[in-house]
Amino acid sequence: MNGIMSRTTGPPLLLTTGFDRALVGGSATGNQRPSLAPGFTADSIEQDIRTQWYNPAGFVLQPEGTPGNLGRDEIRGPKLFNMDLSLLKDTRIHENIVLQFRAEFFNILNHENFGTPNLNIFSTANLKPSSDGLVHGNNPSAGLILNTNPGTNPRQIQFGLRLSF
């Protein structure tokens, strides 16, 4: 019997405004961080649910020409868990002939491993202040997870016979 178990914490996520709000120009225009909305902390915006990983209402667009106050990599992505198992049985048929039966189970628990959520909190279309005068997250797909982790698969089972002589 052989087994492999992999378990990791989620990768750090860089949430962005999606456009050059700080007016710095150059290649960093799409990687600018927003500000946390009043009353929110990095811990309170994480939702850890399948449909929306973080709460976009927890972010506001920083004043034009200034950087946002959200720290780098304060939010983590989905965790990863995978367990593989294989069973082997050798049967000696003759002095120099061995038949091996193998059963291999990949992701034996069929655990779902989610991909990275959409990291752009704002969309340049329809940027409008809300009743508090701040521009809250307005990208309808912000925080949505639309795929599974590309490094994992659903449960797979395979059987094999090997004749050694």
N, C-alpha and C. Protein backbone atom coordinates (compact mmCIF):
# COMPACT_ATOMS: atom_id res chain seq x y z
N MET A 1 0.85 -1.17 0.00
CA MET A 1 0.00 0.00 0.00
C MET A 1 0.90 1.23 0.00
N ASN A 2 0.57 2.21 -0.83
CA ASN A 2 1.28 3.49 -0.91
C ASN A 2 0.27 4.61 -0.84
N GLY A 3 0.69 5.74 -0.31
CA GLY A 3 -0.21 6.89 -0.25
C GLY A 3 0.55 8.19 -0.29
N ILE A 4 -0.12 9.19 -0.82
CA ILE A 4 0.42 10.55 -0.84
C ILE A 4 -0.71 11.49 -0.45
N MET A 5 -0.44 12.34 0.53
CA MET A 5 -1.42 13.35 0.91
C MET A 5 -0.78 14.72 0.75
N SER A 6 -1.47 15.63 0.09
CA SER A 6 -0.99 17.00 -0.10
C SER A 6 -2.02 17.95 0.51
N ARG A 7 -1.51 18.85 1.34
CA ARG A 7 -2.40 19.84 1.95
C ARG A 7 -1.62 21.15 2.05
N THR A 8 -2.17 22.20 1.47
CA THR A 8 -1.51 23.50 1.52
C THR A 8 -2.51 24.58 1.89
N THR A 9 -2.00 25.64 2.45
CA THR A 9 -2.85 26.81 2.68
C THR A 9 -3.06 27.48 1.33
N GLY A 10 -4.02 28.36 1.26
CA GLY A 10 -4.27 29.06 0.01
C GLY A 10 -3.14 30.05 -0.30
N PRO A 11 -2.91 30.30 -1.58
CA PRO A 11 -1.86 31.26 -1.94
C PRO A 11 -2.31 32.68 -1.61
N PRO A 12 -1.36 33.58 -1.36
CA PRO A 12 -1.74 34.97 -1.12
C PRO A 12 -2.33 35.57 -2.40
N LEU A 13 -3.33 36.41 -2.22
CA LEU A 13 -4.00 37.03 -3.37
C LEU A 13 -3.69 38.52 -3.42
N LEU A 14 -3.45 39.03 -4.60
CA LEU A 14 -3.23 40.45 -4.80
C LEU A 14 -4.50 41.04 -5.41
N LEU A 15 -5.35 41.61 -4.56
CA LEU A 15 -6.58 42.23 -5.04
C LEU A 15 -6.24 43.58 -5.64
N THR A 16 -6.84 43.89 -6.78
CA THR A 16 -6.47 45.10 -7.51
C THR A 16 -7.68 45.93 -7.90
N THR A 17 -7.40 47.20 -8.21
CA THR A 17 -8.45 48.08 -8.72
C THR A 17 -8.73 47.77 -10.18
N GLY A 18 -7.75 47.24 -10.90
CA GLY A 18 -7.93 46.90 -12.30
C GLY A 18 -7.59 48.01 -13.27
N PHE A 19 -7.28 49.19 -12.77
CA PHE A 19 -6.89 50.31 -13.64
C PHE A 19 -6.02 51.28 -12.85
N ASP A 20 -5.49 52.28 -13.50
CA ASP A 20 -4.52 53.21 -12.91
C ASP A 20 -5.22 54.29 -12.11
N ARG A 21 -5.61 53.99 -10.88
CA ARG A 21 -6.28 54.98 -10.03
C ARG A 21 -5.27 55.91 -9.37
N ALA A 22 -4.06 55.42 -9.07
CA ALA A 22 -3.05 56.24 -8.41
C ALA A 22 -2.29 57.14 -9.39
N LEU A 23 -2.59 57.01 -10.69
CA LEU A 23 -1.98 57.84 -11.74
C LEU A 23 -0.46 57.72 -11.78
N VAL A 24 0.05 56.48 -11.66
CA VAL A 24 1.49 56.27 -11.72
C VAL A 24 1.97 55.92 -13.12
N GLY A 25 1.09 55.41 -13.97
CA GLY A 25 1.46 55.05 -15.34
C GLY A 25 2.37 53.84 -15.36
N GLY A 26 2.84 53.48 -16.51
CA GLY A 26 3.77 52.35 -16.65
C GLY A 26 3.09 51.01 -16.55
N SER A 27 3.90 50.00 -16.22
CA SER A 27 3.40 48.63 -16.22
C SER A 27 2.60 48.27 -14.97
N ALA A 28 2.64 49.07 -13.92
CA ALA A 28 1.94 48.76 -12.68
C ALA A 28 0.51 49.29 -12.64
N THR A 29 -0.01 49.74 -13.75
CA THR A 29 -1.32 50.39 -13.74
C THR A 29 -2.45 49.47 -13.29
N GLY A 30 -2.43 48.19 -13.67
CA GLY A 30 -3.52 47.29 -13.32
C GLY A 30 -3.33 46.58 -12.00
N ASN A 31 -2.19 46.75 -11.35
CA ASN A 31 -1.90 46.02 -10.11
C ASN A 31 -1.99 46.90 -8.87
N GLN A 32 -2.74 47.95 -8.92
CA GLN A 32 -2.85 48.84 -7.77
C GLN A 32 -3.89 48.32 -6.79
N ARG A 33 -3.58 48.41 -5.52
CA ARG A 33 -4.47 47.91 -4.48
C ARG A 33 -5.50 48.96 -4.09
N PRO A 34 -6.73 48.52 -3.77
CA PRO A 34 -7.78 49.45 -3.34
C PRO A 34 -7.63 49.75 -1.84
N SER A 35 -8.58 50.45 -1.29
CA SER A 35 -8.63 50.73 0.15
C SER A 35 -9.73 49.89 0.78
N LEU A 36 -9.54 49.59 2.06
CA LEU A 36 -10.60 48.90 2.81
C LEU A 36 -11.70 49.91 3.13
N ALA A 37 -12.93 49.48 3.03
CA ALA A 37 -14.06 50.33 3.38
C ALA A 37 -14.07 50.54 4.89
N PRO A 38 -14.58 51.67 5.37
CA PRO A 38 -14.67 51.90 6.81
C PRO A 38 -15.45 50.78 7.49
N GLY A 39 -14.90 50.28 8.61
CA GLY A 39 -15.56 49.21 9.34
C GLY A 39 -15.15 47.82 8.93
N PHE A 40 -14.36 47.69 7.87
CA PHE A 40 -13.92 46.38 7.41
C PHE A 40 -12.45 46.18 7.74
N THR A 41 -12.08 44.91 7.98
CA THR A 41 -10.68 44.54 8.12
C THR A 41 -10.41 43.43 7.10
N ALA A 42 -9.15 43.10 6.91
CA ALA A 42 -8.82 42.04 5.95
C ALA A 42 -9.47 40.72 6.37
N ASP A 43 -9.61 40.48 7.67
CA ASP A 43 -10.26 39.24 8.13
C ASP A 43 -11.76 39.25 7.90
N SER A 44 -12.39 40.41 7.97
CA SER A 44 -13.85 40.45 7.86
C SER A 44 -14.35 40.40 6.42
N ILE A 45 -13.47 40.57 5.43
CA ILE A 45 -13.95 40.52 4.04
C ILE A 45 -13.86 39.13 3.44
N GLU A 46 -13.09 38.23 4.09
CA GLU A 46 -13.02 36.87 3.58
C GLU A 46 -14.31 36.15 3.92
N GLN A 47 -14.87 35.43 2.91
CA GLN A 47 -16.12 34.74 3.14
C GLN A 47 -15.97 33.23 3.13
N ASP A 48 -14.95 32.71 2.42
CA ASP A 48 -14.68 31.28 2.38
C ASP A 48 -15.90 30.47 1.97
N ILE A 49 -16.58 30.91 0.95
CA ILE A 49 -17.71 30.15 0.43
C ILE A 49 -17.49 29.90 -1.05
N ARG A 50 -18.24 28.98 -1.62
CA ARG A 50 -17.99 28.56 -2.99
C ARG A 50 -18.36 29.60 -4.04
N THR A 51 -19.34 30.42 -3.76
CA THR A 51 -19.80 31.34 -4.80
C THR A 51 -19.01 32.64 -4.83
N GLN A 52 -18.67 33.18 -3.68
CA GLN A 52 -17.93 34.44 -3.65
C GLN A 52 -16.91 34.39 -2.52
N TRP A 53 -15.64 34.41 -2.89
CA TRP A 53 -14.56 34.19 -1.94
C TRP A 53 -14.36 35.35 -0.98
N TYR A 54 -14.54 36.56 -1.46
CA TYR A 54 -14.42 37.72 -0.58
C TYR A 54 -15.56 38.68 -0.89
N ASN A 55 -15.81 39.58 0.04
CA ASN A 55 -16.93 40.52 -0.08
C ASN A 55 -16.45 41.79 -0.78
N PRO A 56 -16.86 42.06 -2.02
CA PRO A 56 -16.41 43.25 -2.73
C PRO A 56 -16.87 44.55 -2.07
N ALA A 57 -17.94 44.49 -1.27
CA ALA A 57 -18.41 45.70 -0.60
C ALA A 57 -17.44 46.16 0.49
N GLY A 58 -16.47 45.31 0.83
CA GLY A 58 -15.48 45.66 1.84
C GLY A 58 -14.36 46.54 1.32
N PHE A 59 -14.45 46.96 0.06
CA PHE A 59 -13.40 47.77 -0.55
C PHE A 59 -13.98 49.04 -1.13
N VAL A 60 -13.21 50.09 -1.07
CA VAL A 60 -13.59 51.35 -1.71
C VAL A 60 -12.44 51.79 -2.60
N LEU A 61 -12.78 52.58 -3.59
CA LEU A 61 -11.79 53.13 -4.49
C LEU A 61 -11.09 54.28 -3.80
N GLN A 62 -9.78 54.22 -3.73
CA GLN A 62 -9.02 55.27 -3.07
C GLN A 62 -9.14 56.58 -3.84
N PRO A 63 -8.90 57.70 -3.20
CA PRO A 63 -8.95 58.98 -3.92
C PRO A 63 -7.96 58.98 -5.09
N GLU A 64 -8.35 59.61 -6.16
CA GLU A 64 -7.51 59.62 -7.36
C GLU A 64 -6.14 60.22 -7.04
N GLY A 65 -5.09 59.55 -7.54
CA GLY A 65 -3.72 60.03 -7.35
C GLY A 65 -3.07 59.54 -6.07
N THR A 66 -3.76 58.69 -5.31
CA THR A 66 -3.19 58.14 -4.07
C THR A 66 -3.24 56.62 -4.11
N PRO A 67 -2.31 55.94 -3.41
CA PRO A 67 -2.37 54.48 -3.35
C PRO A 67 -3.43 54.02 -2.36
N GLY A 68 -3.93 52.81 -2.53
CA GLY A 68 -4.91 52.26 -1.60
C GLY A 68 -4.23 51.80 -0.31
N ASN A 69 -5.03 51.59 0.74
CA ASN A 69 -4.46 51.20 2.03
C ASN A 69 -4.50 49.70 2.30
N LEU A 70 -4.98 48.90 1.36
CA LEU A 70 -4.99 47.45 1.53
C LEU A 70 -3.56 46.94 1.40
N GLY A 71 -3.12 46.19 2.39
CA GLY A 71 -1.77 45.64 2.36
C GLY A 71 -1.62 44.57 1.29
N ARG A 72 -0.40 44.29 0.95
CA ARG A 72 -0.11 43.28 -0.07
C ARG A 72 -0.36 41.89 0.52
N ASP A 73 -1.05 41.05 -0.22
CA ASP A 73 -1.27 39.64 0.12
C ASP A 73 -1.93 39.44 1.48
N GLU A 74 -2.85 40.30 1.87
CA GLU A 74 -3.55 40.15 3.15
C GLU A 74 -4.65 39.09 3.09
N ILE A 75 -5.08 38.74 1.90
CA ILE A 75 -6.14 37.76 1.74
C ILE A 75 -5.55 36.52 1.07
N ARG A 76 -5.96 35.37 1.55
CA ARG A 76 -5.45 34.12 1.00
C ARG A 76 -6.54 33.44 0.16
N GLY A 77 -6.10 32.72 -0.85
CA GLY A 77 -7.01 32.01 -1.73
C GLY A 77 -7.45 30.68 -1.15
N PRO A 78 -8.18 29.89 -1.92
CA PRO A 78 -8.67 28.59 -1.46
C PRO A 78 -7.53 27.63 -1.14
N LYS A 79 -7.75 26.81 -0.12
CA LYS A 79 -6.77 25.80 0.27
C LYS A 79 -6.81 24.63 -0.71
N LEU A 80 -5.78 23.80 -0.65
CA LEU A 80 -5.70 22.63 -1.52
C LEU A 80 -5.55 21.39 -0.66
N PHE A 81 -6.31 20.35 -0.97
CA PHE A 81 -6.20 19.07 -0.28
C PHE A 81 -6.36 17.96 -1.31
N ASN A 82 -5.44 17.00 -1.28
CA ASN A 82 -5.50 15.89 -2.23
C ASN A 82 -4.91 14.65 -1.56
N MET A 83 -5.54 13.49 -1.79
CA MET A 83 -5.02 12.24 -1.26
C MET A 83 -5.07 11.17 -2.35
N ASP A 84 -3.92 10.55 -2.60
CA ASP A 84 -3.80 9.47 -3.57
C ASP A 84 -3.44 8.19 -2.82
N LEU A 85 -3.93 7.06 -3.31
CA LEU A 85 -3.67 5.78 -2.67
C LEU A 85 -3.46 4.73 -3.74
N SER A 86 -2.52 3.82 -3.51
CA SER A 86 -2.35 2.69 -4.43
C SER A 86 -2.18 1.40 -3.62
N LEU A 87 -2.75 0.33 -4.13
CA LEU A 87 -2.66 -0.99 -3.53
C LEU A 87 -2.00 -1.92 -4.54
N LEU A 88 -1.04 -2.71 -4.07
CA LEU A 88 -0.30 -3.61 -4.96
C LEU A 88 -0.31 -5.02 -4.36
N LYS A 89 -0.45 -6.02 -5.21
CA LYS A 89 -0.41 -7.41 -4.77
C LYS A 89 0.42 -8.20 -5.77
N ASP A 90 1.53 -8.77 -5.29
CA ASP A 90 2.38 -9.62 -6.13
C ASP A 90 2.01 -11.08 -5.91
N THR A 91 1.87 -11.82 -7.00
CA THR A 91 1.58 -13.25 -6.94
C THR A 91 2.62 -13.97 -7.78
N ARG A 92 3.36 -14.89 -7.12
CA ARG A 92 4.39 -15.65 -7.84
C ARG A 92 3.70 -16.81 -8.55
N ILE A 93 3.79 -16.82 -9.87
CA ILE A 93 3.17 -17.87 -10.68
C ILE A 93 4.13 -19.03 -10.86
N HIS A 94 5.37 -18.71 -11.09
CA HIS A 94 6.42 -19.69 -11.28
C HIS A 94 7.68 -19.12 -10.66
N GLU A 95 8.72 -19.87 -10.66
CA GLU A 95 9.98 -19.46 -10.07
C GLU A 95 10.43 -18.06 -10.51
N ASN A 96 10.36 -17.75 -11.80
CA ASN A 96 10.83 -16.48 -12.35
C ASN A 96 9.69 -15.61 -12.90
N ILE A 97 8.46 -15.98 -12.64
CA ILE A 97 7.33 -15.23 -13.19
C ILE A 97 6.46 -14.70 -12.04
N VAL A 98 6.27 -13.36 -12.06
CA VAL A 98 5.48 -12.70 -11.02
C VAL A 98 4.38 -11.86 -11.68
N LEU A 99 3.16 -12.01 -11.20
CA LEU A 99 2.04 -11.21 -11.68
C LEU A 99 1.70 -10.19 -10.60
N GLN A 100 1.68 -8.94 -10.97
CA GLN A 100 1.37 -7.87 -10.01
C GLN A 100 0.04 -7.23 -10.40
N PHE A 101 -0.86 -7.13 -9.42
CA PHE A 101 -2.12 -6.42 -9.61
C PHE A 101 -1.98 -5.08 -8.89
N ARG A 102 -2.41 -4.00 -9.57
CA ARG A 102 -2.33 -2.64 -9.01
C ARG A 102 -3.71 -1.99 -9.07
N ALA A 103 -4.07 -1.33 -8.00
CA ALA A 103 -5.27 -0.49 -7.99
C ALA A 103 -4.80 0.88 -7.50
N GLU A 104 -5.03 1.92 -8.30
CA GLU A 104 -4.56 3.27 -7.98
C GLU A 104 -5.75 4.22 -7.93
N PHE A 105 -5.80 5.00 -6.86
CA PHE A 105 -6.90 5.94 -6.64
C PHE A 105 -6.31 7.33 -6.52
N PHE A 106 -6.66 8.21 -7.44
CA PHE A 106 -6.19 9.59 -7.42
C PHE A 106 -7.32 10.48 -6.90
N ASN A 107 -7.03 11.36 -5.95
CA ASN A 107 -8.03 12.17 -5.27
C ASN A 107 -9.14 11.25 -4.74
N ILE A 108 -8.73 10.28 -3.93
CA ILE A 108 -9.64 9.23 -3.47
C ILE A 108 -10.85 9.78 -2.72
N LEU A 109 -10.70 10.91 -2.02
CA LEU A 109 -11.82 11.49 -1.30
C LEU A 109 -12.68 12.41 -2.16
N ASN A 110 -12.28 12.59 -3.41
CA ASN A 110 -12.99 13.44 -4.37
C ASN A 110 -13.21 14.85 -3.81
N HIS A 111 -12.18 15.40 -3.20
CA HIS A 111 -12.24 16.73 -2.60
C HIS A 111 -12.17 17.80 -3.68
N GLU A 112 -13.08 18.77 -3.63
CA GLU A 112 -13.05 19.87 -4.59
C GLU A 112 -11.96 20.85 -4.20
N ASN A 113 -11.12 21.19 -5.16
CA ASN A 113 -10.07 22.19 -4.96
C ASN A 113 -10.36 23.34 -5.91
N PHE A 114 -10.73 24.47 -5.33
CA PHE A 114 -11.17 25.60 -6.13
C PHE A 114 -10.00 26.41 -6.66
N GLY A 115 -10.22 27.06 -7.78
CA GLY A 115 -9.22 27.93 -8.39
C GLY A 115 -9.20 29.30 -7.74
N THR A 116 -8.47 30.21 -8.35
CA THR A 116 -8.33 31.56 -7.83
C THR A 116 -9.56 32.40 -8.17
N PRO A 117 -10.06 33.17 -7.21
CA PRO A 117 -11.21 34.04 -7.52
C PRO A 117 -10.79 35.21 -8.40
N ASN A 118 -11.77 35.88 -8.98
CA ASN A 118 -11.50 37.09 -9.77
C ASN A 118 -10.96 38.15 -8.82
N LEU A 119 -9.81 38.72 -9.16
CA LEU A 119 -9.11 39.63 -8.26
C LEU A 119 -9.37 41.10 -8.55
N ASN A 120 -10.00 41.44 -9.67
CA ASN A 120 -10.30 42.84 -9.99
C ASN A 120 -11.60 43.25 -9.31
N ILE A 121 -11.50 44.18 -8.37
CA ILE A 121 -12.66 44.57 -7.57
C ILE A 121 -13.52 45.60 -8.29
N PHE A 122 -12.92 46.42 -9.12
CA PHE A 122 -13.65 47.50 -9.78
C PHE A 122 -13.64 47.31 -11.29
N SER A 123 -14.60 47.90 -11.91
CA SER A 123 -14.69 47.95 -13.36
C SER A 123 -14.81 49.42 -13.74
N THR A 124 -14.11 49.82 -14.78
CA THR A 124 -14.15 51.24 -15.15
C THR A 124 -15.53 51.67 -15.61
N ALA A 125 -16.36 50.72 -16.02
CA ALA A 125 -17.72 51.05 -16.42
C ALA A 125 -18.57 51.29 -15.17
N ASN A 126 -19.36 52.32 -15.20
CA ASN A 126 -20.33 52.62 -14.13
C ASN A 126 -19.71 52.89 -12.76
N LEU A 127 -18.61 53.59 -12.72
CA LEU A 127 -18.05 53.98 -11.42
C LEU A 127 -18.88 55.14 -10.88
N LYS A 128 -19.67 54.85 -9.83
CA LYS A 128 -20.53 55.88 -9.25
C LYS A 128 -20.41 55.83 -7.74
N PRO A 129 -20.33 56.99 -7.09
CA PRO A 129 -20.31 56.99 -5.62
C PRO A 129 -21.64 56.48 -5.07
N SER A 130 -21.58 55.78 -3.92
CA SER A 130 -22.80 55.32 -3.26
C SER A 130 -23.29 56.40 -2.31
N SER A 131 -24.27 56.08 -1.49
CA SER A 131 -24.88 57.08 -0.61
C SER A 131 -23.90 57.65 0.41
N ASP A 132 -22.83 56.89 0.74
CA ASP A 132 -21.84 57.40 1.69
C ASP A 132 -20.75 58.24 1.01
N GLY A 133 -20.87 58.44 -0.31
CA GLY A 133 -19.90 59.26 -1.04
C GLY A 133 -18.68 58.49 -1.50
N LEU A 134 -18.58 57.20 -1.16
CA LEU A 134 -17.43 56.38 -1.56
C LEU A 134 -17.81 55.47 -2.71
N VAL A 135 -16.83 55.08 -3.52
CA VAL A 135 -17.07 54.14 -4.61
C VAL A 135 -16.70 52.75 -4.09
N HIS A 136 -17.71 51.90 -3.85
CA HIS A 136 -17.49 50.53 -3.37
C HIS A 136 -17.26 49.62 -4.57
N GLY A 137 -16.80 48.38 -4.29
CA GLY A 137 -16.55 47.42 -5.37
C GLY A 137 -17.75 47.30 -6.29
N ASN A 138 -17.54 47.45 -7.59
CA ASN A 138 -18.66 47.43 -8.52
C ASN A 138 -18.49 46.41 -9.64
N ASN A 139 -17.45 45.58 -9.59
CA ASN A 139 -17.27 44.55 -10.60
C ASN A 139 -18.16 43.37 -10.20
N PRO A 140 -19.17 43.03 -11.00
CA PRO A 140 -20.09 41.96 -10.60
C PRO A 140 -19.43 40.60 -10.45
N SER A 141 -18.27 40.38 -11.07
CA SER A 141 -17.61 39.08 -10.94
C SER A 141 -16.48 39.10 -9.91
N ALA A 142 -16.33 40.18 -9.14
CA ALA A 142 -15.27 40.26 -8.13
C ALA A 142 -15.48 39.18 -7.08
N GLY A 143 -14.44 38.43 -6.81
CA GLY A 143 -14.49 37.39 -5.79
C GLY A 143 -15.08 36.08 -6.25
N LEU A 144 -15.61 36.01 -7.46
CA LEU A 144 -16.22 34.77 -7.93
C LEU A 144 -15.15 33.76 -8.33
N ILE A 145 -15.38 32.51 -8.00
CA ILE A 145 -14.50 31.42 -8.41
C ILE A 145 -15.21 30.69 -9.53
N LEU A 146 -14.60 30.69 -10.70
CA LEU A 146 -15.25 30.14 -11.88
C LEU A 146 -14.64 28.83 -12.36
N ASN A 147 -13.59 28.34 -11.66
CA ASN A 147 -12.96 27.10 -12.09
C ASN A 147 -12.35 26.37 -10.90
N THR A 148 -11.91 25.16 -11.15
CA THR A 148 -11.21 24.41 -10.12
C THR A 148 -9.72 24.59 -10.29
N ASN A 149 -8.96 24.17 -9.30
CA ASN A 149 -7.51 24.28 -9.35
C ASN A 149 -7.00 23.43 -10.51
N PRO A 150 -6.21 24.01 -11.44
CA PRO A 150 -5.76 23.25 -12.60
C PRO A 150 -4.80 22.11 -12.26
N GLY A 151 -4.24 22.11 -11.06
CA GLY A 151 -3.31 21.05 -10.67
C GLY A 151 -3.96 19.82 -10.09
N THR A 152 -5.28 19.83 -9.94
CA THR A 152 -5.98 18.67 -9.36
C THR A 152 -7.10 18.23 -10.29
N ASN A 153 -7.51 16.99 -10.12
CA ASN A 153 -8.58 16.40 -10.93
C ASN A 153 -9.63 15.81 -10.01
N PRO A 154 -10.80 15.50 -10.56
CA PRO A 154 -11.76 14.74 -9.76
C PRO A 154 -11.23 13.32 -9.53
N ARG A 155 -11.92 12.56 -8.71
CA ARG A 155 -11.48 11.19 -8.41
C ARG A 155 -11.26 10.40 -9.70
N GLN A 156 -10.13 9.70 -9.75
CA GLN A 156 -9.83 8.81 -10.87
C GLN A 156 -9.33 7.50 -10.29
N ILE A 157 -9.78 6.39 -10.89
CA ILE A 157 -9.38 5.05 -10.43
C ILE A 157 -8.85 4.30 -11.63
N GLN A 158 -7.72 3.62 -11.44
CA GLN A 158 -7.21 2.79 -12.53
C GLN A 158 -6.68 1.48 -11.96
N PHE A 159 -6.83 0.43 -12.75
CA PHE A 159 -6.36 -0.90 -12.38
C PHE A 159 -5.32 -1.33 -13.40
N GLY A 160 -4.39 -2.16 -12.97
CA GLY A 160 -3.37 -2.64 -13.90
C GLY A 160 -2.85 -4.02 -13.50
N LEU A 161 -2.39 -4.73 -14.49
CA LEU A 161 -1.72 -6.01 -14.30
C LEU A 161 -0.34 -5.90 -14.92
N ARG A 162 0.64 -6.45 -14.22
CA ARG A 162 2.01 -6.42 -14.73
C ARG A 162 2.59 -7.82 -14.59
N LEU A 163 3.08 -8.32 -15.69
CA LEU A 163 3.69 -9.65 -15.70
C LEU A 163 5.19 -9.48 -15.84
N SER A 164 5.93 -9.92 -14.85
CA SER A 164 7.40 -9.84 -14.88
C SER A 164 7.96 -11.24 -15.05
N PHE A 165 8.87 -11.39 -16.02
CA PHE A 165 9.48 -12.70 -16.26
C PHE A 165 10.92 -12.56 -16.65
